[in-house]
Amino acid sequence: MQEELHIHANGVDFVCLAQGSGPLLFLVHGFPDIPQSWWAQIEALTQAGYRVIAPYLPGYLPSRVAENAYFDKASLVHGFSGLIEAITPGEKLHYIGQDWGAIIGYALCAARPDLLHSAVLMAVPHPHIVNNYLLVPKHIQRSFHWWFFQQAALPEQALLENDMAFIDYLWQYWSAPDYEDGEHIAQVKQCLRQPGVLTTAMAYYRAMFDPAKADPALHTLRAAMQHAITVPTLALCGAEDMRAELMREQATCFGGPYEYREVPNAGHFLQREQSAAVNALLLDWLGRFN
């Protein structure tokens, strides 16, 4: 039976979907998306005997943050660290993240390995590899939204225009050819339309390149995020996603067990585009820790 958990941790009022019983897993979504993106994984993993927690990213309603909240990567890691400690104090869990869920996951693995049995990180390369390709034209184009979202107010206007056609475009641009997911995208739009959510979603990107938007109190955590990752990690990418080119190069960023797999006929949203293949990879990986 599905539950909805409400947990306050490190300044965030988290709302999480929860289902199942057994070893604990986190499933963390990205942009533009919501926790329901993981339905196929939630069903498969709970049937396999796991308890699955799928939180809304901070500020994606119904989760809430303070009006003066920070959204730099260290602040997001601080929030999720508190959520993990609140749900499973003194015990580790398995972390699975896609897009922003993966961005947070890399940093969480580096800074707080004490919280994690393992990680599965999807569709976004390790930040050291990203930095190596920031000036490569085709990757600038692939991540054009990073730059567009730095503008003030215009991105929010563009995202809302014409029944949020921008969201349809991103899903089409980043997915494998001919993939359609209209019903789910409509749910994503419903979340993003709620007051304040788009501005919060943009704040994640605006904090990427502006040090003034980073919480100065988290300098120690920010430094720890630069550590080599020793948490056992499986990296996944859709074979049709241009970011696979980068993820093939990231093994040197890991100091512990590491594997990389590509999912055929999938783009950025591989957990939905090829859910059965992703489920098989997840169950194989997680089965090694039983």
Protein backbone atom coordinates (compact mmCIF):
# COMPACT_ATOMS: atom_id res chain seq x y z
CA MET A 1 0.00 0.00 0.00
CA GLN A 2 1.31 3.42 -0.95
CA GLU A 3 1.89 6.00 1.77
CA GLU A 4 2.68 9.71 1.80
CA LEU A 5 5.30 10.72 4.36
CA HIS A 6 5.73 14.25 5.69
CA ILE A 7 9.13 14.79 7.32
CA HIS A 8 10.84 18.00 8.39
CA ALA A 9 14.61 17.80 8.05
CA ASN A 10 17.30 20.49 7.92
CA GLY A 11 14.90 23.27 7.01
CA VAL A 12 12.87 21.36 4.41
CA ASP A 13 9.34 20.04 4.78
CA PHE A 14 9.80 16.93 2.66
CA VAL A 15 6.89 15.02 1.17
CA CYS A 16 7.71 11.48 0.03
CA LEU A 17 5.86 8.66 -1.64
CA ALA A 18 6.55 5.39 0.20
CA GLN A 19 5.72 1.77 -0.45
CA GLY A 20 6.82 -1.70 0.62
CA SER A 21 8.89 -3.14 3.42
CA GLY A 22 12.46 -4.39 3.64
CA PRO A 23 15.85 -2.82 2.89
CA LEU A 24 15.43 0.91 2.28
CA LEU A 25 15.85 2.61 -1.11
CA PHE A 26 15.63 6.28 -2.08
CA LEU A 27 14.45 7.20 -5.59
CA VAL A 28 15.15 10.87 -6.38
CA HIS A 29 13.80 12.53 -9.51
CA GLY A 30 15.09 15.42 -11.60
CA PHE A 31 13.79 18.26 -13.81
CA PRO A 32 11.28 18.48 -15.34
CA ASP A 33 9.84 15.61 -13.39
CA ILE A 34 8.14 14.39 -10.21
CA PRO A 35 8.43 11.29 -7.97
CA GLN A 36 5.69 9.51 -9.93
CA SER A 37 8.30 9.13 -12.67
CA TRP A 38 9.48 6.07 -10.74
CA TRP A 39 6.20 4.12 -10.67
CA ALA A 40 7.56 1.16 -12.64
CA GLN A 41 10.60 0.98 -10.36
CA ILE A 42 8.51 1.36 -7.21
CA GLU A 43 6.33 -1.58 -8.22
CA ALA A 44 9.25 -3.81 -9.22
CA LEU A 45 11.38 -2.99 -6.20
CA THR A 46 8.62 -3.38 -3.63
CA GLN A 47 7.63 -6.73 -5.16
CA ALA A 48 11.29 -7.76 -4.79
CA GLY A 49 11.16 -7.02 -1.06
CA TYR A 50 12.40 -3.46 -0.69
CA ARG A 51 10.93 -0.39 1.00
CA VAL A 52 11.00 2.49 -1.45
CA ILE A 53 10.95 6.20 -0.57
CA ALA A 54 10.51 8.69 -3.45
CA PRO A 55 10.69 12.30 -2.25
CA TYR A 56 9.68 15.43 -4.07
CA LEU A 57 12.71 17.64 -4.62
CA PRO A 58 12.76 20.49 -2.07
CA GLY A 59 10.38 23.23 -3.17
CA TYR A 60 8.48 21.04 -5.63
CA LEU A 61 5.04 21.20 -4.01
CA PRO A 62 3.76 19.69 -1.88
CA SER A 63 7.27 19.83 -0.33
CA ARG A 64 8.09 23.25 1.09
CA VAL A 65 11.13 25.32 1.95
CA ALA A 66 11.69 28.62 3.75
CA GLU A 67 11.29 31.81 1.72
CA ASN A 68 15.03 32.54 2.06
CA ALA A 69 16.12 28.97 1.29
CA TYR A 70 19.31 28.23 -0.61
CA PHE A 71 19.34 25.82 -3.55
CA ASP A 72 23.03 25.35 -4.17
CA LYS A 73 24.21 21.76 -4.35
CA ALA A 74 25.56 21.75 -0.79
CA SER A 75 22.19 22.93 0.53
CA LEU A 76 20.42 20.16 -1.36
CA VAL A 77 22.86 17.58 0.02
CA HIS A 78 22.36 19.01 3.50
CA GLY A 79 18.60 18.63 3.13
CA PHE A 80 18.74 15.06 1.85
CA SER A 81 21.28 14.07 4.49
CA GLY A 82 18.82 15.23 7.13
CA LEU A 83 15.98 13.35 5.46
CA ILE A 84 17.98 10.11 5.40
CA GLU A 85 18.99 10.53 9.05
CA ALA A 86 15.36 11.20 10.01
CA ILE A 87 14.01 8.15 8.17
CA THR A 88 16.71 5.65 9.07
CA PRO A 89 18.84 6.98 11.96
CA GLY A 90 22.14 5.19 12.29
CA GLU A 91 21.51 2.95 9.29
CA LYS A 92 22.48 3.12 5.64
CA LEU A 93 20.28 2.96 2.55
CA HIS A 94 20.57 2.56 -1.22
CA TYR A 95 20.30 5.83 -3.19
CA ILE A 96 18.99 5.95 -6.76
CA GLY A 97 18.83 9.28 -8.58
CA GLN A 98 18.23 10.59 -12.10
CA ASP A 99 19.09 14.09 -13.45
CA TRP A 100 19.05 16.38 -10.37
CA GLY A 101 18.66 13.26 -8.29
CA ALA A 102 21.99 12.11 -9.73
CA ILE A 103 23.65 15.52 -9.31
CA ILE A 104 22.72 15.45 -5.64
CA GLY A 105 23.73 11.79 -5.47
CA TYR A 106 27.32 12.34 -6.64
CA ALA A 107 27.80 15.00 -3.98
CA LEU A 108 26.05 12.96 -1.29
CA CYS A 109 28.25 9.93 -2.03
CA ALA A 110 31.40 12.05 -1.78
CA ALA A 111 30.47 13.98 1.36
CA ARG A 112 28.34 11.50 3.34
CA PRO A 113 29.38 7.93 2.51
CA ASP A 114 28.36 6.99 6.03
CA LEU A 115 24.71 7.23 4.93
CA LEU A 116 24.82 4.93 1.90
CA HIS A 117 25.17 1.24 1.11
CA SER A 118 25.31 1.97 -2.61
CA ALA A 119 24.23 4.42 -5.29
CA VAL A 120 22.76 4.22 -8.78
CA LEU A 121 23.22 7.51 -10.64
CA MET A 122 21.49 8.07 -13.96
CA ALA A 123 21.74 10.35 -16.97
CA VAL A 124 24.15 13.00 -15.61
CA PRO A 125 27.95 12.70 -15.56
CA HIS A 126 30.20 13.21 -12.56
CA PRO A 127 30.74 16.97 -12.02
CA HIS A 128 34.48 16.72 -12.76
CA ILE A 129 33.64 15.34 -16.21
CA VAL A 130 30.95 17.97 -16.75
CA ASN A 131 33.53 20.69 -16.07
CA ASN A 132 35.81 19.23 -18.74
CA TYR A 133 33.11 19.67 -21.39
CA LEU A 134 31.57 23.02 -20.44
CA LEU A 135 33.10 24.73 -23.50
CA VAL A 136 32.36 22.00 -26.06
CA PRO A 137 29.72 23.38 -28.49
CA LYS A 138 27.51 20.31 -28.83
CA HIS A 139 27.37 19.85 -25.06
CA ILE A 140 26.59 23.55 -24.58
CA GLN A 141 23.68 22.98 -26.95
CA ARG A 142 22.60 19.77 -25.17
CA SER A 143 22.52 21.67 -21.86
CA PHE A 144 21.22 24.94 -23.29
CA HIS A 145 18.67 25.18 -20.47
CA TRP A 146 21.49 25.67 -17.93
CA TRP A 147 22.36 28.94 -19.62
CA PHE A 148 18.83 30.06 -20.49
CA PHE A 149 17.67 29.54 -16.91
CA GLN A 150 20.26 32.06 -15.67
CA GLN A 151 18.03 34.85 -17.02
CA ALA A 152 15.70 36.66 -14.65
CA ALA A 153 11.94 36.02 -15.05
CA LEU A 154 12.09 35.14 -18.77
CA PRO A 155 12.52 31.37 -18.23
CA GLU A 156 9.46 31.21 -15.99
CA GLN A 157 7.44 33.06 -18.63
CA ALA A 158 8.69 30.79 -21.41
CA LEU A 159 7.98 27.65 -19.40
CA LEU A 160 4.37 28.67 -18.78
CA GLU A 161 3.63 29.80 -22.33
CA ASN A 162 1.34 27.77 -24.61
CA ASP A 163 0.32 25.11 -22.08
CA MET A 164 3.96 24.71 -20.99
CA ALA A 165 5.08 23.62 -24.47
CA PHE A 166 8.68 24.12 -23.28
CA ILE A 167 8.28 21.05 -21.04
CA ASP A 168 6.97 19.00 -23.99
CA TYR A 169 9.99 20.17 -26.00
CA LEU A 170 12.51 19.15 -23.33
CA TRP A 171 11.01 15.66 -23.02
CA GLN A 172 10.99 15.26 -26.82
CA TYR A 173 14.55 16.64 -27.21
CA TRP A 174 16.03 14.47 -24.47
CA SER A 175 14.13 11.22 -25.12
CA ALA A 176 14.77 8.51 -27.69
CA PRO A 177 13.03 9.05 -31.06
CA ASP A 178 9.28 8.46 -31.10
CA TYR A 179 8.99 8.09 -27.32
CA GLU A 180 5.78 9.62 -25.95
CA ASP A 181 4.70 10.03 -22.33
CA GLY A 182 1.87 12.54 -22.53
CA GLU A 183 -0.09 11.47 -19.45
CA HIS A 184 2.96 11.64 -17.20
CA ILE A 185 4.13 14.95 -18.68
CA ALA A 186 0.68 16.39 -17.90
CA GLN A 187 1.24 15.44 -14.24
CA VAL A 188 4.66 17.10 -14.32
CA LYS A 189 3.11 20.29 -15.68
CA GLN A 190 0.47 20.22 -12.96
CA CYS A 191 3.22 20.22 -10.31
CA LEU A 192 5.30 22.92 -11.98
CA ARG A 193 2.29 25.22 -12.44
CA GLN A 194 1.73 25.52 -8.70
CA PRO A 195 2.68 28.89 -7.19
CA GLY A 196 6.40 29.28 -6.63
CA VAL A 197 7.47 25.89 -7.99
CA LEU A 198 8.94 27.11 -11.27
CA THR A 199 10.94 29.83 -9.55
CA THR A 200 12.25 27.22 -7.12
CA ALA A 201 13.12 24.87 -9.98
CA MET A 202 15.01 27.71 -11.70
CA ALA A 203 16.83 28.49 -8.44
CA TYR A 204 18.58 25.10 -8.64
CA TYR A 205 20.14 26.16 -11.95
CA ARG A 206 20.83 29.77 -10.97
CA ALA A 207 22.84 28.58 -7.98
CA MET A 208 25.06 26.44 -10.23
CA PHE A 209 27.12 29.39 -11.47
CA ASP A 210 26.56 32.11 -8.86
CA PRO A 211 28.55 31.73 -5.60
CA ALA A 212 26.39 34.42 -4.02
CA LYS A 213 23.50 31.97 -4.10
CA ALA A 214 25.38 29.37 -2.01
CA ASP A 215 24.85 29.02 1.73
CA PRO A 216 28.13 30.23 3.29
CA ALA A 217 27.49 28.16 6.43
CA LEU A 218 28.01 24.92 4.48
CA HIS A 219 31.65 25.47 3.46
CA THR A 220 32.82 22.30 5.25
CA LEU A 221 30.19 20.16 3.52
CA ARG A 222 31.01 21.83 0.20
CA ALA A 223 34.66 20.87 0.59
CA ALA A 224 33.74 17.28 1.43
CA MET A 225 31.74 17.07 -1.81
CA GLN A 226 35.06 17.15 -3.68
CA HIS A 227 36.23 13.84 -2.21
CA ALA A 228 36.62 10.78 -4.41
CA ILE A 229 33.55 8.55 -4.23
CA THR A 230 34.09 5.30 -2.35
CA VAL A 231 30.41 4.29 -2.13
CA PRO A 232 29.76 1.34 -4.50
CA THR A 233 28.19 3.02 -7.53
CA LEU A 234 26.39 1.93 -10.68
CA ALA A 235 26.10 4.66 -13.33
CA LEU A 236 23.39 4.30 -15.99
CA CYS A 237 22.66 6.29 -19.12
CA GLY A 238 20.37 5.91 -22.09
CA ALA A 239 22.40 5.00 -25.16
CA GLU A 240 20.52 7.70 -27.10
CA ASP A 241 21.47 10.41 -24.57
CA MET A 242 24.46 12.52 -25.64
CA ARG A 243 25.61 12.53 -22.02
CA ALA A 244 26.59 8.89 -22.44
CA GLU A 245 29.70 10.20 -24.24
CA LEU A 246 30.75 11.90 -21.01
CA MET A 247 29.73 9.16 -18.61
CA ARG A 248 31.97 6.66 -20.41
CA GLU A 249 34.95 8.66 -19.14
CA GLN A 250 34.15 9.02 -15.45
CA ALA A 251 35.52 5.81 -13.90
CA THR A 252 38.61 7.67 -12.63
CA CYS A 253 36.36 9.80 -10.38
CA PHE A 254 35.60 6.77 -8.19
CA GLY A 255 37.79 5.24 -5.50
CA GLY A 256 35.49 2.32 -4.73
CA PRO A 257 33.52 -0.28 -6.71
CA TYR A 258 32.14 1.28 -9.89
CA GLU A 259 30.27 0.04 -12.95
CA TYR A 260 28.77 1.82 -15.96
CA ARG A 261 25.98 0.51 -18.19
CA GLU A 262 24.06 1.97 -21.11
CA VAL A 263 20.41 1.20 -21.80
CA PRO A 264 19.62 0.70 -25.52
CA ASN A 265 16.79 2.66 -27.13
CA ALA A 266 16.60 5.12 -24.23
CA GLY A 267 17.42 8.76 -23.82
CA HIS A 268 17.54 10.93 -20.71
CA PHE A 269 14.42 9.54 -19.00
CA LEU A 270 15.61 5.94 -19.19
CA GLN A 271 13.64 4.85 -16.09
CA ARG A 272 10.46 5.53 -18.09
CA GLU A 273 11.59 4.95 -21.67
CA GLN A 274 12.93 1.46 -20.94
CA SER A 275 11.56 0.70 -17.49
CA ALA A 276 11.89 -3.09 -17.71
CA ALA A 277 15.56 -2.91 -18.69
CA VAL A 278 16.29 -0.38 -15.93
CA ASN A 279 14.42 -2.49 -13.38
CA ALA A 280 16.51 -5.54 -14.31
CA LEU A 281 19.74 -3.57 -13.88
CA LEU A 282 18.59 -2.20 -10.51
CA LEU A 283 17.54 -5.59 -9.17
CA ASP A 284 20.80 -7.18 -10.27
CA TRP A 285 22.82 -4.41 -8.63
CA LEU A 286 20.86 -4.35 -5.38
CA GLY A 287 20.91 -8.14 -5.15
CA ARG A 288 24.66 -8.02 -4.62
CA PHE A 289 24.16 -6.33 -1.25
CA ASN A 290 21.66 -8.78 0.26
